[in-house]
Structures are given as C-alpha cells and as structure tokens.
Amino acid sequence: METAAYDTAAIEQDYELNWDLHAITNRDEAIDFLRRFENKLCIYSSFVNIIYSSYQFLIPDNANYEISVLPSQIAHHDNFHRIPKEAVVDTGIFLYPGECSGDSGLFIKIPCPLGLVSSREMPFKAGLLDVIKQFQARDEIFLPIVIKGSLREYESRVPSLHLHTIDLKQLSHLSELELESLQRVVVDNLMKIFKDN
C-alpha cells in the first residue's frame, strides 16, 4: 500500500507568495498603497530563488487578511532565477505616503550611514537621489526589491514598504547578459515610480 505524501514544496511556495495582513490596522489603505507599486517594484521569493518583475496582487473578496502575489505566466523573460538569499540585502529604507507627516506624495525614510542620527525622512525624488549617491560612493548600485513582510505599518498606522536591494557581488554565477538584464529591469521599474511621483 502506497503512503500518501504531502507536496511540501507547493505548500511552502504558496506560503512565500501569500502576504499576511493581520498586523495591519487599516488593510484597505495598505492594499491601496501597495497597488501603487504593482509591477514597479520587483518581488523576491526566497523559496524558489526567483525575482519577479511582472505580477499582480490578488485580494480575495471573502478575506481581507491576505494578499497573494501572482507571477505573470507569459513574462518569463522578466523573471530572474538562481538568486540566492544572500544576494538580497536589507537596506533599512522605507517608503510611505506623505500624509503620515501632513504632506502629500511619496516619502522615503533613509537610515543615516554614519549613525549620527537614526534616519532622515525626505520627499521621494530627493531621497532617491541621495540613496543612489550613497550606493555609488560604495561602488554599488541601488536595486530595490520587496519581499514577504515588506508591507508594514509606519507611524500613526500608515502603510509603508520596507526595501531590500540586490547585492550583485553575490551573483557571480550569473552571466553578464543576465546581470545586465536584471539591472535594466529593476532600474526601469524604479524610474516608473520616480516619474509618477
């Protein structure tokens, strides 16, 4: 008699692309905020080691505690495989709506590199230029992506997105063409956000 076996890979993969919203107070506001970045910020799955640049967020009508990330089935050329967890680095950078501080538009919270103050909060465009310069000074490229758990609450229960970046030094196993394509897609997507704000 055959023993039934669980498809643990399918369960874990499904879990990786389902984002829990139980800790978010205003889920509707958080979902609206997140949708601003759909197909503009790439999403990383640590289980399958893939960066997805083309996807959609699915919000079931009967459940407001979870968002599912559905990768595009036709844009395989915009998915990047063999990306190890070590290549995805926490930046400590957050995006949040300016309404949090009585302003409008998108804002960015940047940790201070020297630790003199905890962080700086700036309008998105000025802050992004500052971040890019910080990375260039270290001979690195700012390649922001999000992962499960990136959607959080900021002060006053305002939604925010916690950004990670891709460490290209951890991707020496990829071809030059793959690396160029990855950088192009992430930068092009970031420029869409820049133009919208």
N, C-alpha and C. Protein backbone atom coordinates (compact mmCIF):
# COMPACT_ATOMS: atom_id res chain seq x y z
N MET A 1 0.84 -1.19 0.00
CA MET A 1 0.00 0.00 0.00
C MET A 1 0.89 1.26 0.00
N GLU A 2 0.59 2.18 -0.94
CA GLU A 2 1.40 3.40 -1.04
C GLU A 2 1.05 4.37 0.07
N THR A 3 2.07 5.03 0.59
CA THR A 3 1.87 6.04 1.62
C THR A 3 1.65 7.39 0.94
N ALA A 4 0.61 8.10 1.37
CA ALA A 4 0.35 9.42 0.80
C ALA A 4 1.45 10.38 1.23
N ALA A 5 1.84 11.26 0.31
CA ALA A 5 2.91 12.22 0.61
C ALA A 5 2.42 13.64 0.38
N TYR A 6 2.79 14.49 1.30
CA TYR A 6 2.44 15.90 1.16
C TYR A 6 3.37 16.55 0.12
N ASP A 7 2.82 17.45 -0.65
CA ASP A 7 3.64 18.24 -1.58
C ASP A 7 4.12 19.47 -0.83
N THR A 8 5.15 19.26 0.02
CA THR A 8 5.63 20.35 0.87
C THR A 8 6.18 21.51 0.05
N ALA A 9 6.76 21.23 -1.10
CA ALA A 9 7.30 22.30 -1.95
C ALA A 9 6.19 23.24 -2.38
N ALA A 10 5.06 22.68 -2.80
CA ALA A 10 3.92 23.51 -3.23
C ALA A 10 3.37 24.32 -2.07
N ILE A 11 3.32 23.71 -0.88
CA ILE A 11 2.81 24.42 0.30
C ILE A 11 3.73 25.59 0.65
N GLU A 12 5.04 25.34 0.65
CA GLU A 12 5.99 26.40 1.00
C GLU A 12 6.00 27.51 -0.04
N GLN A 13 5.92 27.13 -1.32
CA GLN A 13 5.93 28.14 -2.37
C GLN A 13 4.69 29.01 -2.26
N ASP A 14 3.55 28.40 -2.01
CA ASP A 14 2.32 29.15 -1.86
C ASP A 14 2.43 30.10 -0.68
N TYR A 15 3.01 29.64 0.41
CA TYR A 15 3.17 30.46 1.60
C TYR A 15 4.06 31.66 1.31
N GLU A 16 5.08 31.45 0.53
CA GLU A 16 6.04 32.52 0.22
C GLU A 16 5.40 33.67 -0.56
N LEU A 17 4.39 33.38 -1.37
CA LEU A 17 3.76 34.41 -2.19
C LEU A 17 2.42 34.87 -1.64
N ASN A 18 2.11 34.49 -0.40
CA ASN A 18 0.91 34.98 0.28
C ASN A 18 1.34 35.86 1.44
N TRP A 19 0.93 37.11 1.39
CA TRP A 19 1.35 38.09 2.40
C TRP A 19 0.22 38.31 3.40
N ASP A 20 0.53 38.06 4.64
CA ASP A 20 -0.44 38.18 5.73
C ASP A 20 -0.59 39.64 6.15
N LEU A 21 -1.84 40.09 6.31
CA LEU A 21 -2.11 41.47 6.70
C LEU A 21 -2.68 41.60 8.11
N HIS A 22 -2.60 40.55 8.91
CA HIS A 22 -3.20 40.60 10.24
C HIS A 22 -2.63 41.73 11.10
N ALA A 23 -1.35 42.06 10.90
CA ALA A 23 -0.72 43.09 11.74
C ALA A 23 -1.01 44.51 11.25
N ILE A 24 -1.70 44.64 10.12
CA ILE A 24 -2.01 45.95 9.56
C ILE A 24 -3.37 46.41 10.07
N THR A 25 -3.42 47.61 10.62
CA THR A 25 -4.68 48.13 11.18
C THR A 25 -5.67 48.48 10.08
N ASN A 26 -5.25 49.31 9.12
CA ASN A 26 -6.13 49.71 8.03
C ASN A 26 -5.72 48.96 6.76
N ARG A 27 -6.32 47.80 6.57
CA ARG A 27 -5.92 46.93 5.46
C ARG A 27 -6.26 47.53 4.10
N ASP A 28 -7.41 48.19 3.99
CA ASP A 28 -7.79 48.81 2.71
C ASP A 28 -6.77 49.86 2.28
N GLU A 29 -6.36 50.68 3.23
CA GLU A 29 -5.37 51.72 2.94
C GLU A 29 -4.03 51.09 2.56
N ALA A 30 -3.66 50.01 3.24
CA ALA A 30 -2.40 49.32 2.95
C ALA A 30 -2.43 48.70 1.56
N ILE A 31 -3.55 48.11 1.19
CA ILE A 31 -3.69 47.49 -0.14
C ILE A 31 -3.62 48.56 -1.22
N ASP A 32 -4.31 49.69 -1.01
CA ASP A 32 -4.26 50.78 -1.98
C ASP A 32 -2.83 51.29 -2.16
N PHE A 33 -2.10 51.41 -1.05
CA PHE A 33 -0.71 51.86 -1.10
C PHE A 33 0.15 50.86 -1.87
N LEU A 34 -0.03 49.59 -1.57
CA LEU A 34 0.76 48.55 -2.22
C LEU A 34 0.52 48.51 -3.72
N ARG A 35 -0.70 48.71 -4.13
CA ARG A 35 -1.04 48.66 -5.56
C ARG A 35 -0.31 49.73 -6.36
N ARG A 36 0.12 50.80 -5.70
CA ARG A 36 0.88 51.85 -6.40
C ARG A 36 2.20 51.32 -6.96
N PHE A 37 2.66 50.19 -6.41
CA PHE A 37 3.96 49.67 -6.79
C PHE A 37 3.87 48.36 -7.58
N GLU A 38 2.65 47.97 -7.93
CA GLU A 38 2.45 46.72 -8.68
C GLU A 38 3.19 46.80 -10.02
N ASN A 39 4.04 45.82 -10.29
CA ASN A 39 4.88 45.75 -11.49
C ASN A 39 5.89 46.90 -11.59
N LYS A 40 6.11 47.60 -10.48
CA LYS A 40 7.12 48.65 -10.46
C LYS A 40 8.27 48.29 -9.51
N LEU A 41 7.95 47.61 -8.42
CA LEU A 41 8.99 47.08 -7.55
C LEU A 41 9.01 45.56 -7.72
N CYS A 42 10.17 45.02 -8.02
CA CYS A 42 10.28 43.56 -8.19
C CYS A 42 10.08 42.87 -6.84
N ILE A 43 9.60 41.64 -6.90
CA ILE A 43 9.33 40.85 -5.69
C ILE A 43 10.21 39.61 -5.71
N TYR A 44 10.81 39.32 -4.56
CA TYR A 44 11.70 38.16 -4.44
C TYR A 44 11.05 37.06 -3.64
N SER A 45 11.17 35.83 -4.14
CA SER A 45 10.73 34.64 -3.41
C SER A 45 11.97 33.86 -3.00
N SER A 46 12.20 33.75 -1.70
CA SER A 46 13.39 33.04 -1.22
C SER A 46 13.26 31.54 -1.36
N PHE A 47 12.01 31.05 -1.47
CA PHE A 47 11.85 29.60 -1.59
C PHE A 47 12.30 29.09 -2.96
N VAL A 48 11.92 29.81 -4.02
CA VAL A 48 12.29 29.37 -5.37
C VAL A 48 13.48 30.15 -5.92
N ASN A 49 13.99 31.13 -5.13
CA ASN A 49 15.15 31.94 -5.54
C ASN A 49 14.92 32.65 -6.87
N ILE A 50 13.73 33.27 -6.96
CA ILE A 50 13.36 33.99 -8.17
C ILE A 50 12.97 35.42 -7.83
N ILE A 51 13.38 36.35 -8.68
CA ILE A 51 12.89 37.73 -8.62
C ILE A 51 11.85 37.89 -9.73
N TYR A 52 10.65 38.30 -9.33
CA TYR A 52 9.56 38.51 -10.28
C TYR A 52 9.41 40.00 -10.55
N SER A 53 9.38 40.39 -11.83
CA SER A 53 9.16 41.80 -12.15
C SER A 53 7.78 42.02 -12.75
N SER A 54 7.13 40.95 -13.14
CA SER A 54 5.79 41.06 -13.73
C SER A 54 4.85 40.15 -12.94
N TYR A 55 3.86 40.76 -12.30
CA TYR A 55 2.98 40.02 -11.40
C TYR A 55 1.74 40.86 -11.13
N GLN A 56 0.81 40.31 -10.41
CA GLN A 56 -0.31 41.11 -9.92
C GLN A 56 -0.66 40.69 -8.51
N PHE A 57 -1.24 41.62 -7.77
CA PHE A 57 -1.69 41.33 -6.43
C PHE A 57 -3.14 40.87 -6.49
N LEU A 58 -3.42 39.76 -5.84
CA LEU A 58 -4.78 39.25 -5.78
C LEU A 58 -5.31 39.40 -4.36
N ILE A 59 -6.45 40.05 -4.25
CA ILE A 59 -7.08 40.23 -2.94
C ILE A 59 -8.43 39.54 -2.98
N PRO A 60 -8.56 38.38 -2.34
CA PRO A 60 -9.85 37.66 -2.37
C PRO A 60 -10.96 38.50 -1.75
N ASP A 61 -12.16 38.43 -2.35
CA ASP A 61 -13.31 39.19 -1.85
C ASP A 61 -13.72 38.76 -0.45
N ASN A 62 -13.51 37.48 -0.15
CA ASN A 62 -14.01 36.95 1.13
C ASN A 62 -12.96 36.96 2.24
N ALA A 63 -11.80 37.56 1.98
CA ALA A 63 -10.76 37.59 3.02
C ALA A 63 -9.95 38.86 2.89
N ASN A 64 -9.89 39.64 3.94
CA ASN A 64 -9.13 40.88 3.87
C ASN A 64 -7.87 40.82 4.72
N TYR A 65 -7.41 39.61 5.00
CA TYR A 65 -6.21 39.45 5.83
C TYR A 65 -5.00 38.97 5.02
N GLU A 66 -5.15 38.79 3.73
CA GLU A 66 -4.06 38.21 2.95
C GLU A 66 -4.06 38.73 1.52
N ILE A 67 -2.87 38.97 1.00
CA ILE A 67 -2.68 39.33 -0.40
C ILE A 67 -1.86 38.22 -1.03
N SER A 68 -2.25 37.78 -2.21
CA SER A 68 -1.46 36.80 -2.94
C SER A 68 -0.75 37.48 -4.10
N VAL A 69 0.51 37.11 -4.29
CA VAL A 69 1.29 37.62 -5.42
C VAL A 69 1.21 36.57 -6.52
N LEU A 70 0.66 36.96 -7.67
CA LEU A 70 0.51 36.03 -8.79
C LEU A 70 1.50 36.41 -9.90
N PRO A 71 2.60 35.67 -10.04
CA PRO A 71 3.56 35.98 -11.12
C PRO A 71 2.92 35.80 -12.48
N SER A 72 3.33 36.64 -13.42
CA SER A 72 2.81 36.55 -14.79
C SER A 72 3.23 35.22 -15.41
N GLN A 73 2.28 34.60 -16.10
CA GLN A 73 2.57 33.32 -16.75
C GLN A 73 3.16 33.51 -18.15
N ILE A 74 3.16 34.76 -18.64
CA ILE A 74 3.65 34.97 -20.01
C ILE A 74 4.94 35.79 -20.06
N ALA A 75 5.35 36.38 -18.96
CA ALA A 75 6.54 37.24 -18.96
C ALA A 75 7.72 36.55 -18.30
N HIS A 76 8.02 35.32 -18.76
CA HIS A 76 9.11 34.55 -18.15
C HIS A 76 10.47 35.24 -18.32
N HIS A 77 10.62 36.03 -19.39
CA HIS A 77 11.89 36.69 -19.65
C HIS A 77 12.18 37.78 -18.61
N ASP A 78 11.15 38.20 -17.87
CA ASP A 78 11.34 39.21 -16.84
C ASP A 78 11.44 38.63 -15.43
N ASN A 79 11.57 37.31 -15.35
CA ASN A 79 11.81 36.65 -14.07
C ASN A 79 13.29 36.27 -14.02
N PHE A 80 13.88 36.41 -12.85
CA PHE A 80 15.30 36.15 -12.73
C PHE A 80 15.54 35.03 -11.73
N HIS A 81 16.11 33.94 -12.23
CA HIS A 81 16.28 32.71 -11.45
C HIS A 81 17.67 32.64 -10.82
N ARG A 82 17.80 31.70 -9.89
CA ARG A 82 19.08 31.40 -9.23
C ARG A 82 19.60 32.61 -8.45
N ILE A 83 18.69 33.29 -7.75
CA ILE A 83 19.07 34.43 -6.90
C ILE A 83 19.09 33.94 -5.46
N PRO A 84 20.26 33.72 -4.88
CA PRO A 84 20.33 33.19 -3.50
C PRO A 84 19.89 34.24 -2.48
N LYS A 85 19.48 33.74 -1.31
CA LYS A 85 19.05 34.65 -0.24
C LYS A 85 20.13 35.65 0.13
N GLU A 86 21.38 35.23 0.05
CA GLU A 86 22.50 36.10 0.43
C GLU A 86 22.60 37.34 -0.45
N ALA A 87 22.01 37.28 -1.64
CA ALA A 87 22.07 38.41 -2.57
C ALA A 87 21.01 39.47 -2.29
N VAL A 88 20.08 39.17 -1.39
CA VAL A 88 19.00 40.10 -1.05
C VAL A 88 19.31 40.71 0.31
N VAL A 89 19.61 42.00 0.31
CA VAL A 89 20.16 42.67 1.49
C VAL A 89 19.18 43.73 2.00
N ASP A 90 18.99 43.75 3.30
CA ASP A 90 18.14 44.75 3.96
C ASP A 90 18.80 46.12 3.84
N THR A 91 18.04 47.13 3.44
CA THR A 91 18.58 48.49 3.33
C THR A 91 18.20 49.36 4.52
N GLY A 92 17.14 48.98 5.24
CA GLY A 92 16.63 49.86 6.29
C GLY A 92 15.85 51.04 5.75
N ILE A 93 15.61 51.05 4.43
CA ILE A 93 14.90 52.14 3.76
C ILE A 93 13.41 51.81 3.69
N PHE A 94 12.57 52.81 3.95
CA PHE A 94 11.13 52.64 3.89
C PHE A 94 10.50 53.68 2.97
N LEU A 95 9.47 53.27 2.26
CA LEU A 95 8.62 54.20 1.50
C LEU A 95 7.30 54.32 2.24
N TYR A 96 6.75 55.53 2.29
CA TYR A 96 5.46 55.72 2.94
C TYR A 96 4.76 56.95 2.36
N PRO A 97 3.45 57.01 2.45
CA PRO A 97 2.73 58.18 1.92
C PRO A 97 2.96 59.40 2.80
N GLY A 98 3.10 60.58 2.16
CA GLY A 98 3.41 61.80 2.89
C GLY A 98 2.34 62.23 3.86
N GLU A 99 1.13 61.71 3.69
CA GLU A 99 0.04 62.05 4.61
C GLU A 99 0.41 61.73 6.06
N CYS A 100 1.35 60.83 6.22
CA CYS A 100 1.81 60.44 7.56
C CYS A 100 2.37 61.64 8.32
N SER A 101 3.01 62.56 7.58
CA SER A 101 3.62 63.72 8.22
C SER A 101 2.96 65.03 7.80
N GLY A 102 1.72 64.94 7.33
CA GLY A 102 0.99 66.14 6.95
C GLY A 102 1.34 66.66 5.57
N ASP A 103 2.08 65.89 4.78
CA ASP A 103 2.45 66.28 3.43
C ASP A 103 1.66 65.45 2.43
N SER A 104 2.01 65.58 1.16
CA SER A 104 1.39 64.74 0.13
C SER A 104 2.49 64.11 -0.70
N GLY A 105 2.14 63.11 -1.46
CA GLY A 105 3.13 62.42 -2.28
C GLY A 105 3.87 61.35 -1.50
N LEU A 106 4.79 60.71 -2.19
CA LEU A 106 5.56 59.62 -1.61
C LEU A 106 6.78 60.14 -0.87
N PHE A 107 7.06 59.55 0.31
CA PHE A 107 8.23 59.92 1.09
C PHE A 107 9.12 58.69 1.28
N ILE A 108 10.36 58.96 1.61
CA ILE A 108 11.33 57.89 1.83
C ILE A 108 12.06 58.14 3.15
N LYS A 109 12.23 57.08 3.92
CA LYS A 109 12.96 57.16 5.19
C LYS A 109 14.28 56.42 5.00
N ILE A 110 15.38 57.15 5.20
CA ILE A 110 16.72 56.63 4.90
C ILE A 110 17.54 56.56 6.18
N PRO A 111 18.10 55.40 6.51
CA PRO A 111 18.96 55.33 7.70
C PRO A 111 20.23 56.14 7.49
N CYS A 112 20.70 56.77 8.54
CA CYS A 112 21.92 57.57 8.45
C CYS A 112 23.13 56.64 8.35
N PRO A 113 23.98 56.79 7.34
CA PRO A 113 25.10 55.86 7.16
C PRO A 113 26.14 55.93 8.27
N LEU A 114 26.25 57.07 8.92
CA LEU A 114 27.28 57.21 9.96
C LEU A 114 26.73 56.98 11.36
N GLY A 115 25.43 56.77 11.47
CA GLY A 115 24.84 56.51 12.78
C GLY A 115 24.74 57.72 13.68
N LEU A 116 24.93 58.94 13.11
CA LEU A 116 24.85 60.15 13.93
C LEU A 116 23.41 60.42 14.36
N VAL A 117 22.49 60.16 13.46
CA VAL A 117 21.06 60.21 13.77
C VAL A 117 20.46 58.92 13.24
N SER A 118 19.29 58.58 13.74
CA SER A 118 18.73 57.27 13.36
C SER A 118 18.33 57.21 11.89
N SER A 119 17.70 58.27 11.36
CA SER A 119 17.27 58.26 9.97
C SER A 119 16.87 59.65 9.53
N ARG A 120 16.70 59.79 8.21
CA ARG A 120 16.22 61.04 7.62
C ARG A 120 14.99 60.73 6.79
N GLU A 121 14.03 61.63 6.82
CA GLU A 121 12.81 61.47 6.04
C GLU A 121 12.74 62.59 5.01
N MET A 122 12.55 62.19 3.74
CA MET A 122 12.60 63.16 2.65
C MET A 122 11.54 62.84 1.61
N PRO A 123 11.14 63.85 0.81
CA PRO A 123 10.30 63.55 -0.36
C PRO A 123 11.01 62.53 -1.24
N PHE A 124 10.25 61.68 -1.91
CA PHE A 124 10.81 60.52 -2.61
C PHE A 124 11.90 60.88 -3.60
N LYS A 125 11.66 61.86 -4.48
CA LYS A 125 12.63 62.15 -5.54
C LYS A 125 13.97 62.58 -4.97
N ALA A 126 13.95 63.51 -4.03
CA ALA A 126 15.21 63.98 -3.42
C ALA A 126 15.88 62.85 -2.64
N GLY A 127 15.08 62.07 -1.93
CA GLY A 127 15.63 60.97 -1.14
C GLY A 127 16.24 59.88 -2.00
N LEU A 128 15.57 59.58 -3.12
CA LEU A 128 16.09 58.54 -4.02
C LEU A 128 17.45 58.95 -4.59
N LEU A 129 17.58 60.20 -4.99
CA LEU A 129 18.87 60.68 -5.50
C LEU A 129 19.96 60.56 -4.43
N ASP A 130 19.60 60.85 -3.19
CA ASP A 130 20.54 60.73 -2.08
C ASP A 130 20.98 59.27 -1.89
N VAL A 131 20.01 58.36 -1.94
CA VAL A 131 20.33 56.93 -1.78
C VAL A 131 21.23 56.45 -2.91
N ILE A 132 20.92 56.83 -4.14
CA ILE A 132 21.72 56.42 -5.29
C ILE A 132 23.16 56.89 -5.13
N LYS A 133 23.34 58.12 -4.67
CA LYS A 133 24.70 58.65 -4.46
C LYS A 133 25.43 57.88 -3.36
N GLN A 134 24.71 57.53 -2.29
CA GLN A 134 25.34 56.74 -1.22
C GLN A 134 25.84 55.40 -1.75
N PHE A 135 25.04 54.75 -2.56
CA PHE A 135 25.44 53.46 -3.12
C PHE A 135 26.61 53.64 -4.09
N GLN A 136 26.57 54.67 -4.92
CA GLN A 136 27.66 54.92 -5.87
C GLN A 136 28.97 55.18 -5.15
N ALA A 137 28.90 55.85 -4.00
CA ALA A 137 30.11 56.13 -3.22
C ALA A 137 30.77 54.83 -2.73
N ARG A 138 29.95 53.77 -2.60
CA ARG A 138 30.49 52.47 -2.18
C ARG A 138 30.73 51.55 -3.40
N ASP A 139 30.63 52.13 -4.59
CA ASP A 139 30.79 51.38 -5.84
C ASP A 139 29.74 50.27 -5.96
N GLU A 140 28.51 50.61 -5.57
CA GLU A 140 27.39 49.68 -5.64
C GLU A 140 26.24 50.33 -6.40
N ILE A 141 25.25 49.52 -6.75
CA ILE A 141 24.07 50.02 -7.45
C ILE A 141 22.85 49.75 -6.58
N PHE A 142 22.01 50.76 -6.41
CA PHE A 142 20.78 50.60 -5.64
C PHE A 142 19.75 49.91 -6.52
N LEU A 143 19.43 48.67 -6.18
CA LEU A 143 18.47 47.85 -6.95
C LEU A 143 17.37 47.38 -6.01
N PRO A 144 16.39 48.24 -5.73
CA PRO A 144 15.39 47.92 -4.71
C PRO A 144 14.39 46.85 -5.13
N ILE A 145 14.11 45.96 -4.19
CA ILE A 145 13.08 44.93 -4.36
C ILE A 145 12.34 44.79 -3.03
N VAL A 146 11.22 44.10 -3.08
CA VAL A 146 10.48 43.81 -1.85
C VAL A 146 10.36 42.31 -1.67
N ILE A 147 10.15 41.91 -0.43
CA ILE A 147 9.99 40.50 -0.10
C ILE A 147 8.76 40.36 0.78
N LYS A 148 8.40 39.13 1.08
CA LYS A 148 7.30 38.90 2.00
C LYS A 148 7.62 39.59 3.33
N GLY A 149 6.67 40.32 3.86
CA GLY A 149 6.88 41.05 5.10
C GLY A 149 7.29 42.49 4.88
N SER A 150 7.46 42.91 3.61
CA SER A 150 7.87 44.28 3.33
C SER A 150 6.77 45.29 3.62
N LEU A 151 5.52 44.87 3.46
CA LEU A 151 4.40 45.78 3.74
C LEU A 151 4.19 45.83 5.24
N ARG A 152 4.37 47.01 5.81
CA ARG A 152 4.29 47.18 7.27
C ARG A 152 3.52 48.44 7.61
N GLU A 153 3.36 48.65 8.90
CA GLU A 153 2.79 49.91 9.36
C GLU A 153 3.90 50.84 9.79
N TYR A 154 3.74 52.09 9.40
CA TYR A 154 4.67 53.14 9.83
C TYR A 154 4.02 53.87 10.99
N GLU A 155 4.57 54.99 11.39
CA GLU A 155 4.00 55.76 12.48
C GLU A 155 2.55 56.14 12.17
N SER A 156 1.74 56.24 13.20
CA SER A 156 0.33 56.63 13.07
C SER A 156 -0.46 55.67 12.19
N ARG A 157 -0.04 54.42 12.18
CA ARG A 157 -0.75 53.37 11.46
C ARG A 157 -0.85 53.61 9.96
N VAL A 158 0.16 54.22 9.40
CA VAL A 158 0.24 54.48 7.97
C VAL A 158 1.02 53.33 7.32
N PRO A 159 0.56 52.84 6.14
CA PRO A 159 1.29 51.74 5.50
C PRO A 159 2.64 52.18 4.98
N SER A 160 3.58 51.26 4.95
CA SER A 160 4.91 51.54 4.40
C SER A 160 5.46 50.28 3.74
N LEU A 161 6.46 50.48 2.90
CA LEU A 161 7.15 49.36 2.25
C LEU A 161 8.61 49.39 2.65
N HIS A 162 9.09 48.29 3.17
CA HIS A 162 10.49 48.14 3.58
C HIS A 162 11.27 47.59 2.38
N LEU A 163 12.29 48.31 1.95
CA LEU A 163 13.03 47.93 0.75
C LEU A 163 14.28 47.11 1.06
N HIS A 164 14.52 46.14 0.20
CA HIS A 164 15.79 45.41 0.18
C HIS A 164 16.49 45.79 -1.12
N THR A 165 17.73 45.41 -1.27
CA THR A 165 18.44 45.65 -2.51
C THR A 165 19.19 44.38 -2.92
N ILE A 166 19.59 44.33 -4.17
CA ILE A 166 20.29 43.15 -4.70
C ILE A 166 21.79 43.42 -4.65
N ASP A 167 22.52 42.52 -4.02
CA ASP A 167 23.98 42.61 -3.95
C ASP A 167 24.55 41.84 -5.14
N LEU A 168 25.00 42.56 -6.15
CA LEU A 168 25.48 41.92 -7.37
C LEU A 168 26.72 41.07 -7.14
N LYS A 169 27.47 41.37 -6.08
CA LYS A 169 28.68 40.56 -5.80
C LYS A 169 28.32 39.12 -5.47
N GLN A 170 27.08 38.89 -5.05
CA GLN A 170 26.63 37.53 -4.72
C GLN A 170 26.08 36.79 -5.94
N LEU A 171 26.17 37.42 -7.11
CA LEU A 171 25.58 36.83 -8.32
C LEU A 171 26.62 36.54 -9.39
N SER A 172 27.82 36.20 -8.96
CA SER A 172 28.90 35.94 -9.92
C SER A 172 28.62 34.71 -10.78
N HIS A 173 27.68 33.86 -10.35
CA HIS A 173 27.34 32.67 -11.12
C HIS A 173 26.44 32.99 -12.31
N LEU A 174 25.88 34.20 -12.36
CA LEU A 174 25.03 34.59 -13.49
C LEU A 174 25.89 35.13 -14.63
N SER A 175 25.38 35.02 -15.83
CA SER A 175 26.11 35.54 -16.99
C SER A 175 26.05 37.06 -17.00
N GLU A 176 26.92 37.66 -17.77
CA GLU A 176 26.92 39.13 -17.90
C GLU A 176 25.59 39.61 -18.48
N LEU A 177 25.05 38.86 -19.42
CA LEU A 177 23.77 39.21 -20.02
C LEU A 177 22.64 39.17 -18.99
N GLU A 178 22.64 38.14 -18.13
CA GLU A 178 21.63 38.03 -17.08
C GLU A 178 21.73 39.19 -16.09
N LEU A 179 22.95 39.53 -15.72
CA LEU A 179 23.16 40.63 -14.78
C LEU A 179 22.71 41.96 -15.37
N GLU A 180 23.03 42.18 -16.62
CA GLU A 180 22.62 43.43 -17.29
C GLU A 180 21.11 43.51 -17.39
N SER A 181 20.48 42.39 -17.71
CA SER A 181 19.02 42.36 -17.84
C SER A 181 18.35 42.63 -16.50
N LEU A 182 18.87 42.02 -15.45
CA LEU A 182 18.32 42.22 -14.11
C LEU A 182 18.42 43.69 -13.70
N GLN A 183 19.60 44.28 -13.88
CA GLN A 183 19.78 45.68 -13.53
C GLN A 183 18.86 46.58 -14.35
N ARG A 184 18.74 46.32 -15.63
CA ARG A 184 17.91 47.15 -16.50
C ARG A 184 16.45 47.13 -16.05
N VAL A 185 15.93 45.93 -15.76
CA VAL A 185 14.53 45.82 -15.37
C VAL A 185 14.27 46.53 -14.04
N VAL A 186 15.14 46.31 -13.05
CA VAL A 186 14.93 46.93 -11.73
C VAL A 186 15.03 48.45 -11.84
N VAL A 187 16.02 48.95 -12.57
CA VAL A 187 16.20 50.40 -12.71
C VAL A 187 15.04 51.01 -13.50
N ASP A 188 14.62 50.36 -14.59
CA ASP A 188 13.49 50.86 -15.38
C ASP A 188 12.23 50.95 -14.52
N ASN A 189 12.00 49.92 -13.70
CA ASN A 189 10.83 49.92 -12.82
C ASN A 189 10.92 51.05 -11.80
N LEU A 190 12.10 51.26 -11.25
CA LEU A 190 12.28 52.33 -10.27
C LEU A 190 12.02 53.69 -10.90
N MET A 191 12.41 53.86 -12.15
CA MET A 191 12.18 55.13 -12.83
C MET A 191 10.70 55.37 -13.08
N LYS A 192 9.92 54.31 -13.21
CA LYS A 192 8.45 54.48 -13.33
C LYS A 192 7.90 55.11 -12.05
N ILE A 193 8.39 54.64 -10.90
CA ILE A 193 7.95 55.21 -9.62
C ILE A 193 8.40 56.68 -9.54
N PHE A 194 9.64 56.94 -9.96
CA PHE A 194 10.19 58.29 -9.93
C PHE A 194 9.32 59.24 -10.76
N LYS A 195 8.94 58.83 -11.95
CA LYS A 195 8.13 59.68 -12.84
C LYS A 195 6.73 59.90 -12.30
N ASP A 196 6.21 58.91 -11.60
CA ASP A 196 4.84 59.01 -11.04
C ASP A 196 4.80 59.89 -9.80
N ASN A 197 5.94 60.23 -9.24
CA ASN A 197 5.96 60.99 -8.00
C ASN A 197 6.72 62.30 -8.18
